[in-house]
Amino acid sequence: MAMFNWFRYYYKYIINGQWRHSTASPTERDERGNLNNVAVVGDIASVRPSIKQQKKVGPLHYLFY
């Protein structure tokens, strides 16, 4: 059996010049107490992307919901 190393990656987004975390993704505090989004990379993904379904409303027009 192969052993995998797990890595934690902290990330944030810059919105209008302000650092922000996503409320839709897992969060964790770093060693300084800052709240960040976290992705754990290893043999199992900890974050699954959400895909918005498209509804066709006419030729070449799509509505996201």
PDB file of N, CA and C in Angstrom:
ATOM      1  N   MET A   1       0.842  -1.173   0.000  1.00  0.00           N
ATOM      2  CA  MET A   1       0.000   0.000   0.000  1.00  0.00           C
ATOM      3  C   MET A   1       0.893   1.244   0.000  1.00  0.00           C
ATOM      4  N   ALA A   2       0.568   2.189  -0.828  1.00  0.00           N
ATOM      5  CA  ALA A   2       1.338   3.437  -0.914  1.00  0.00           C
ATOM      6  C   ALA A   2       0.862   4.415   0.163  1.00  0.00           C
ATOM      7  N   MET A   3       1.798   5.118   0.747  1.00  0.00           N
ATOM      8  CA  MET A   3       1.469   6.153   1.738  1.00  0.00           C
ATOM      9  C   MET A   3       1.562   7.511   1.057  1.00  0.00           C
ATOM     10  N   PHE A   4       0.588   8.363   1.318  1.00  0.00           N
ATOM     11  CA  PHE A   4       0.567   9.687   0.723  1.00  0.00           C
ATOM     12  C   PHE A   4       0.803  10.746   1.786  1.00  0.00           C
ATOM     13  N   ASN A   5       1.527  11.787   1.427  1.00  0.00           N
ATOM     14  CA  ASN A   5       1.689  12.928   2.318  1.00  0.00           C
ATOM     15  C   ASN A   5       0.497  13.848   2.133  1.00  0.00           C
ATOM     16  N   TRP A   6       0.041  14.434   3.221  1.00  0.00           N
ATOM     17  CA  TRP A   6      -1.059  15.389   3.176  1.00  0.00           C
ATOM     18  C   TRP A   6      -0.481  16.779   3.359  1.00  0.00           C
ATOM     19  N   PHE A   7      -0.961  17.713   2.584  1.00  0.00           N
ATOM     20  CA  PHE A   7      -0.514  19.097   2.675  1.00  0.00           C
ATOM     21  C   PHE A   7      -1.725  19.991   2.877  1.00  0.00           C
ATOM     22  N   ARG A   8      -1.571  21.029   3.720  1.00  0.00           N
ATOM     23  CA  ARG A   8      -2.624  22.009   3.956  1.00  0.00           C
ATOM     24  C   ARG A   8      -2.241  23.293   3.247  1.00  0.00           C
ATOM     25  N   TYR A   9      -3.156  23.804   2.476  1.00  0.00           N
ATOM     26  CA  TYR A   9      -2.936  25.069   1.783  1.00  0.00           C
ATOM     27  C   TYR A   9      -3.984  26.062   2.250  1.00  0.00           C
ATOM     28  N   TYR A  10      -3.509  27.190   2.769  1.00  0.00           N
ATOM     29  CA  TYR A  10      -4.411  28.266   3.175  1.00  0.00           C
ATOM     30  C   TYR A  10      -4.510  29.274   2.041  1.00  0.00           C
ATOM     31  N   TYR A  11      -5.714  29.795   1.814  1.00  0.00           N
ATOM     32  CA  TYR A  11      -5.879  30.783   0.756  1.00  0.00           C
ATOM     33  C   TYR A  11      -7.011  31.746   1.103  1.00  0.00           C
ATOM     34  N   LYS A  12      -6.977  32.900   0.468  1.00  0.00           N
ATOM     35  CA  LYS A  12      -8.010  33.932   0.568  1.00  0.00           C
ATOM     36  C   LYS A  12      -8.127  34.606  -0.781  1.00  0.00           C
ATOM     37  N   TYR A  13      -9.116  35.463  -0.891  1.00  0.00           N
ATOM     38  CA  TYR A  13      -9.340  36.229  -2.114  1.00  0.00           C
ATOM     39  C   TYR A  13      -9.186  37.711  -1.799  1.00  0.00           C
ATOM     40  N   ILE A  14      -8.765  38.493  -2.776  1.00  0.00           N
ATOM     41  CA  ILE A  14      -8.724  39.946  -2.617  1.00  0.00           C
ATOM     42  C   ILE A  14      -9.938  40.508  -3.353  1.00  0.00           C
ATOM     43  N   ILE A  15     -10.850  41.095  -2.606  1.00  0.00           N
ATOM     44  CA  ILE A  15     -12.069  41.693  -3.156  1.00  0.00           C
ATOM     45  C   ILE A  15     -12.061  43.177  -2.808  1.00  0.00           C
ATOM     46  N   ASN A  16     -12.047  44.025  -3.816  1.00  0.00           N
ATOM     47  CA  ASN A  16     -12.026  45.482  -3.608  1.00  0.00           C
ATOM     48  C   ASN A  16     -10.904  45.896  -2.652  1.00  0.00           C
ATOM     49  N   GLY A  17      -9.743  45.276  -2.805  1.00  0.00           N
ATOM     50  CA  GLY A  17      -8.589  45.627  -1.980  1.00  0.00           C
ATOM     51  C   GLY A  17      -8.594  45.039  -0.579  1.00  0.00           C
ATOM     52  N   GLN A  18      -9.575  44.211  -0.245  1.00  0.00           N
ATOM     53  CA  GLN A  18      -9.691  43.596   1.080  1.00  0.00           C
ATOM     54  C   GLN A  18      -9.499  42.081   0.974  1.00  0.00           C
ATOM     55  N   TRP A  19      -8.751  41.512   1.926  1.00  0.00           N
ATOM     56  CA  TRP A  19      -8.601  40.057   1.979  1.00  0.00           C
ATOM     57  C   TRP A  19      -9.892  39.459   2.514  1.00  0.00           C
ATOM     58  N   ARG A  20     -10.456  38.483   1.808  1.00  0.00           N
ATOM     59  CA  ARG A  20     -11.715  37.832   2.202  1.00  0.00           C
ATOM     60  C   ARG A  20     -11.580  36.320   2.051  1.00  0.00           C
ATOM     61  N   HIS A  21     -12.290  35.597   2.923  1.00  0.00           N
ATOM     62  CA  HIS A  21     -12.375  34.145   2.768  1.00  0.00           C
ATOM     63  C   HIS A  21     -13.766  33.809   2.234  1.00  0.00           C
ATOM     64  N   SER A  22     -13.894  32.645   1.659  1.00  0.00           N
ATOM     65  CA  SER A  22     -15.177  32.181   1.143  1.00  0.00           C
ATOM     66  C   SER A  22     -15.949  31.510   2.268  1.00  0.00           C
ATOM     67  N   THR A  23     -17.229  31.847   2.398  1.00  0.00           N
ATOM     68  CA  THR A  23     -18.063  31.185   3.398  1.00  0.00           C
ATOM     69  C   THR A  23     -18.599  29.854   2.877  1.00  0.00           C
ATOM     70  N   ALA A  24     -18.387  29.575   1.586  1.00  0.00           N
ATOM     71  CA  ALA A  24     -18.878  28.334   0.983  1.00  0.00           C
ATOM     72  C   ALA A  24     -17.839  27.215   1.010  1.00  0.00           C
ATOM     73  N   SER A  25     -16.635  27.508   1.480  1.00  0.00           N
ATOM     74  CA  SER A  25     -15.553  26.513   1.526  1.00  0.00           C
ATOM     75  C   SER A  25     -15.057  26.352   2.954  1.00  0.00           C
ATOM     76  N   PRO A  26     -14.392  25.233   3.251  1.00  0.00           N
ATOM     77  CA  PRO A  26     -13.889  25.001   4.606  1.00  0.00           C
ATOM     78  C   PRO A  26     -12.917  26.100   5.044  1.00  0.00           C
ATOM     79  N   THR A  27     -12.968  26.444   6.328  1.00  0.00           N
ATOM     80  CA  THR A  27     -12.080  27.461   6.888  1.00  0.00           C
ATOM     81  C   THR A  27     -11.317  26.894   8.078  1.00  0.00           C
ATOM     82  N   GLU A  28     -10.204  27.552   8.374  1.00  0.00           N
ATOM     83  CA  GLU A  28      -9.373  27.162   9.509  1.00  0.00           C
ATOM     84  C   GLU A  28      -8.523  28.364   9.897  1.00  0.00           C
ATOM     85  N   ARG A  29      -8.219  28.486  11.171  1.00  0.00           N
ATOM     86  CA  ARG A  29      -7.361  29.576  11.637  1.00  0.00           C
ATOM     87  C   ARG A  29      -5.898  29.165  11.535  1.00  0.00           C
ATOM     88  N   ASP A  30      -5.068  30.114  11.095  1.00  0.00           N
ATOM     89  CA  ASP A  30      -3.636  29.840  11.025  1.00  0.00           C
ATOM     90  C   ASP A  30      -2.989  30.102  12.377  1.00  0.00           C
ATOM     91  N   GLU A  31      -1.661  29.962  12.452  1.00  0.00           N
ATOM     92  CA  GLU A  31      -0.944  30.124  13.728  1.00  0.00           C
ATOM     93  C   GLU A  31      -1.038  31.537  14.292  1.00  0.00           C
ATOM     94  N   ARG A  32      -1.414  32.522  13.476  1.00  0.00           N
ATOM     95  CA  ARG A  32      -1.582  33.901  13.947  1.00  0.00           C
ATOM     96  C   ARG A  32      -3.031  34.240  14.275  1.00  0.00           C
ATOM     97  N   GLY A  33      -3.926  33.260  14.085  1.00  0.00           N
ATOM     98  CA  GLY A  33      -5.332  33.481  14.400  1.00  0.00           C
ATOM     99  C   GLY A  33      -6.165  34.023  13.247  1.00  0.00           C
ATOM    100  N   ASN A  34      -5.562  34.149  12.053  1.00  0.00           N
ATOM    101  CA  ASN A  34      -6.299  34.632  10.883  1.00  0.00           C
ATOM    102  C   ASN A  34      -7.190  33.524  10.331  1.00  0.00           C
ATOM    103  N   LEU A  35      -8.411  33.875   9.968  1.00  0.00           N
ATOM    104  CA  LEU A  35      -9.327  32.905   9.380  1.00  0.00           C
ATOM    105  C   LEU A  35      -9.088  32.824   7.881  1.00  0.00           C
ATOM    106  N   ASN A  36      -8.800  31.622   7.392  1.00  0.00           N
ATOM    107  CA  ASN A  36      -8.487  31.388   5.985  1.00  0.00           C
ATOM    108  C   ASN A  36      -9.307  30.217   5.479  1.00  0.00           C
ATOM    109  N   ASN A  37      -9.439  30.132   4.159  1.00  0.00           N
ATOM    110  CA  ASN A  37      -9.950  28.906   3.570  1.00  0.00           C
ATOM    111  C   ASN A  37      -8.812  27.913   3.574  1.00  0.00           C
ATOM    112  N   VAL A  38      -9.153  26.649   3.644  1.00  0.00           N
ATOM    113  CA  VAL A  38      -8.128  25.610   3.687  1.00  0.00           C
ATOM    114  C   VAL A  38      -8.474  24.514   2.688  1.00  0.00           C
ATOM    115  N   ALA A  39      -7.455  24.051   1.978  1.00  0.00           N
ATOM    116  CA  ALA A  39      -7.584  22.898   1.094  1.00  0.00           C
ATOM    117  C   ALA A  39      -6.560  21.879   1.554  1.00  0.00           C
ATOM    118  N   VAL A  40      -7.011  20.665   1.820  1.00  0.00           N
ATOM    119  CA  VAL A  40      -6.119  19.589   2.224  1.00  0.00           C
ATOM    120  C   VAL A  40      -5.903  18.713   1.001  1.00  0.00           C
ATOM    121  N   VAL A  41      -4.645  18.580   0.594  1.00  0.00           N
ATOM    122  CA  VAL A  41      -4.310  17.813  -0.598  1.00  0.00           C
ATOM    123  C   VAL A  41      -3.615  16.538  -0.163  1.00  0.00           C
ATOM    124  N   GLY A  42      -4.132  15.418  -0.626  1.00  0.00           N
ATOM    125  CA  GLY A  42      -3.570  14.116  -0.292  1.00  0.00           C
ATOM    126  C   GLY A  42      -4.255  13.070  -1.138  1.00  0.00           C
ATOM    127  N   ASP A  43      -4.551  11.932  -0.537  1.00  0.00           N
ATOM    128  CA  ASP A  43      -5.183  10.889  -1.322  1.00  0.00           C
ATOM    129  C   ASP A  43      -6.702  11.046  -1.398  1.00  0.00           C
ATOM    130  N   ILE A  44      -7.273  11.998  -0.636  1.00  0.00           N
ATOM    131  CA  ILE A  44      -8.708  12.267  -0.676  1.00  0.00           C
ATOM    132  C   ILE A  44      -8.893  13.777  -0.751  1.00  0.00           C
ATOM    133  N   ALA A  45      -9.709  14.248  -1.665  1.00  0.00           N
ATOM    134  CA  ALA A  45      -9.974  15.682  -1.777  1.00  0.00           C
ATOM    135  C   ALA A  45     -10.902  16.121  -0.655  1.00  0.00           C
ATOM    136  N   SER A  46     -10.627  17.294  -0.057  1.00  0.00           N
ATOM    137  CA  SER A  46     -11.465  17.803   1.023  1.00  0.00           C
ATOM    138  C   SER A  46     -12.459  18.845   0.541  1.00  0.00           C
ATOM    139  N   VAL A  47     -12.318  19.296  -0.702  1.00  0.00           N
ATOM    140  CA  VAL A  47     -13.210  20.319  -1.240  1.00  0.00           C
ATOM    141  C   VAL A  47     -13.732  19.827  -2.579  1.00  0.00           C
ATOM    142  N   ARG A  48     -15.031  19.866  -2.731  1.00  0.00           N
ATOM    143  CA  ARG A  48     -15.632  19.502  -4.005  1.00  0.00           C
ATOM    144  C   ARG A  48     -16.207  20.752  -4.632  1.00  0.00           C
ATOM    145  N   PRO A  49     -15.881  21.024  -5.885  1.00  0.00           N
ATOM    146  CA  PRO A  49     -16.425  22.221  -6.518  1.00  0.00           C
ATOM    147  C   PRO A  49     -17.916  22.084  -6.743  1.00  0.00           C
ATOM    148  N   SER A  50     -18.631  23.171  -6.572  1.00  0.00           N
ATOM    149  CA  SER A  50     -20.058  23.154  -6.868  1.00  0.00           C
ATOM    150  C   SER A  50     -20.246  23.671  -8.286  1.00  0.00           C
ATOM    151  N   ILE A  51     -21.009  22.955  -9.049  1.00  0.00           N
ATOM    152  CA  ILE A  51     -21.251  23.315 -10.441  1.00  0.00           C
ATOM    153  C   ILE A  51     -22.692  23.773 -10.573  1.00  0.00           C
ATOM    154  N   LYS A  52     -22.861  25.013 -11.036  1.00  0.00           N
ATOM    155  CA  LYS A  52     -24.203  25.538 -11.219  1.00  0.00           C
ATOM    156  C   LYS A  52     -24.780  24.972 -12.504  1.00  0.00           C
ATOM    157  N   GLN A  53     -26.027  24.527 -12.424  1.00  0.00           N
ATOM    158  CA  GLN A  53     -26.684  23.988 -13.609  1.00  0.00           C
ATOM    159  C   GLN A  53     -27.152  25.131 -14.490  1.00  0.00           C
ATOM    160  N   GLN A  54     -27.118  24.891 -15.781  1.00  0.00           N
ATOM    161  CA  GLN A  54     -27.553  25.886 -16.738  1.00  0.00           C
ATOM    162  C   GLN A  54     -28.948  25.542 -17.218  1.00  0.00           C
ATOM    163  N   LYS A  55     -29.771  26.563 -17.355  1.00  0.00           N
ATOM    164  CA  LYS A  55     -31.111  26.384 -17.899  1.00  0.00           C
ATOM    165  C   LYS A  55     -31.177  27.159 -19.199  1.00  0.00           C
ATOM    166  N   LYS A  56     -31.474  26.475 -20.279  1.00  0.00           N
ATOM    167  CA  LYS A  56     -31.522  27.126 -21.584  1.00  0.00           C
ATOM    168  C   LYS A  56     -32.830  27.907 -21.682  1.00  0.00           C
ATOM    169  N   VAL A  57     -32.724  29.200 -21.953  1.00  0.00           N
ATOM    170  CA  VAL A  57     -33.911  30.052 -22.038  1.00  0.00           C
ATOM    171  C   VAL A  57     -34.137  30.564 -23.455  1.00  0.00           C
ATOM    172  N   GLY A  58     -33.290  30.224 -24.361  1.00  0.00           N
ATOM    173  CA  GLY A  58     -33.433  30.658 -25.749  1.00  0.00           C
ATOM    174  C   GLY A  58     -32.151  30.347 -26.476  1.00  0.00           C
ATOM    175  N   PRO A  59     -32.124  30.601 -27.782  1.00  0.00           N
ATOM    176  CA  PRO A  59     -30.897  30.313 -28.514  1.00  0.00           C
ATOM    177  C   PRO A  59     -29.723  31.149 -28.000  1.00  0.00           C
ATOM    178  N   LEU A  60     -28.679  30.452 -27.582  1.00  0.00           N
ATOM    179  CA  LEU A  60     -27.441  31.070 -27.088  1.00  0.00           C
ATOM    180  C   LEU A  60     -27.616  31.877 -25.801  1.00  0.00           C
ATOM    181  N   HIS A  61     -28.701  31.702 -25.062  1.00  0.00           N
ATOM    182  CA  HIS A  61     -28.905  32.403 -23.789  1.00  0.00           C
ATOM    183  C   HIS A  61     -29.078  31.357 -22.693  1.00  0.00           C
ATOM    184  N   TYR A  62     -28.315  31.505 -21.642  1.00  0.00           N
ATOM    185  CA  TYR A  62     -28.398  30.581 -20.519  1.00  0.00           C
ATOM    186  C   TYR A  62     -28.638  31.353 -19.235  1.00  0.00           C
ATOM    187  N   LEU A  63     -29.391  30.762 -18.350  1.00  0.00           N
ATOM    188  CA  LEU A  63     -29.676  31.361 -17.052  1.00  0.00           C
ATOM    189  C   LEU A  63     -29.055  30.468 -15.988  1.00  0.00           C
ATOM    190  N   PHE A  64     -28.241  31.031 -15.104  1.00  0.00           N
ATOM    191  CA  PHE A  64     -27.626  30.272 -14.022  1.00  0.00           C
ATOM    192  C   PHE A  64     -28.496  30.398 -12.781  1.00  0.00           C
ATOM    193  N   TYR A  65     -28.739  29.273 -12.121  1.00  0.00           N
ATOM    194  CA  TYR A  65     -29.519  29.292 -10.873  1.00  0.00           C
ATOM    195  C   TYR A  65     -28.932  28.353  -9.872  1.00  0.00           C
TER     196      TYR A  65
END
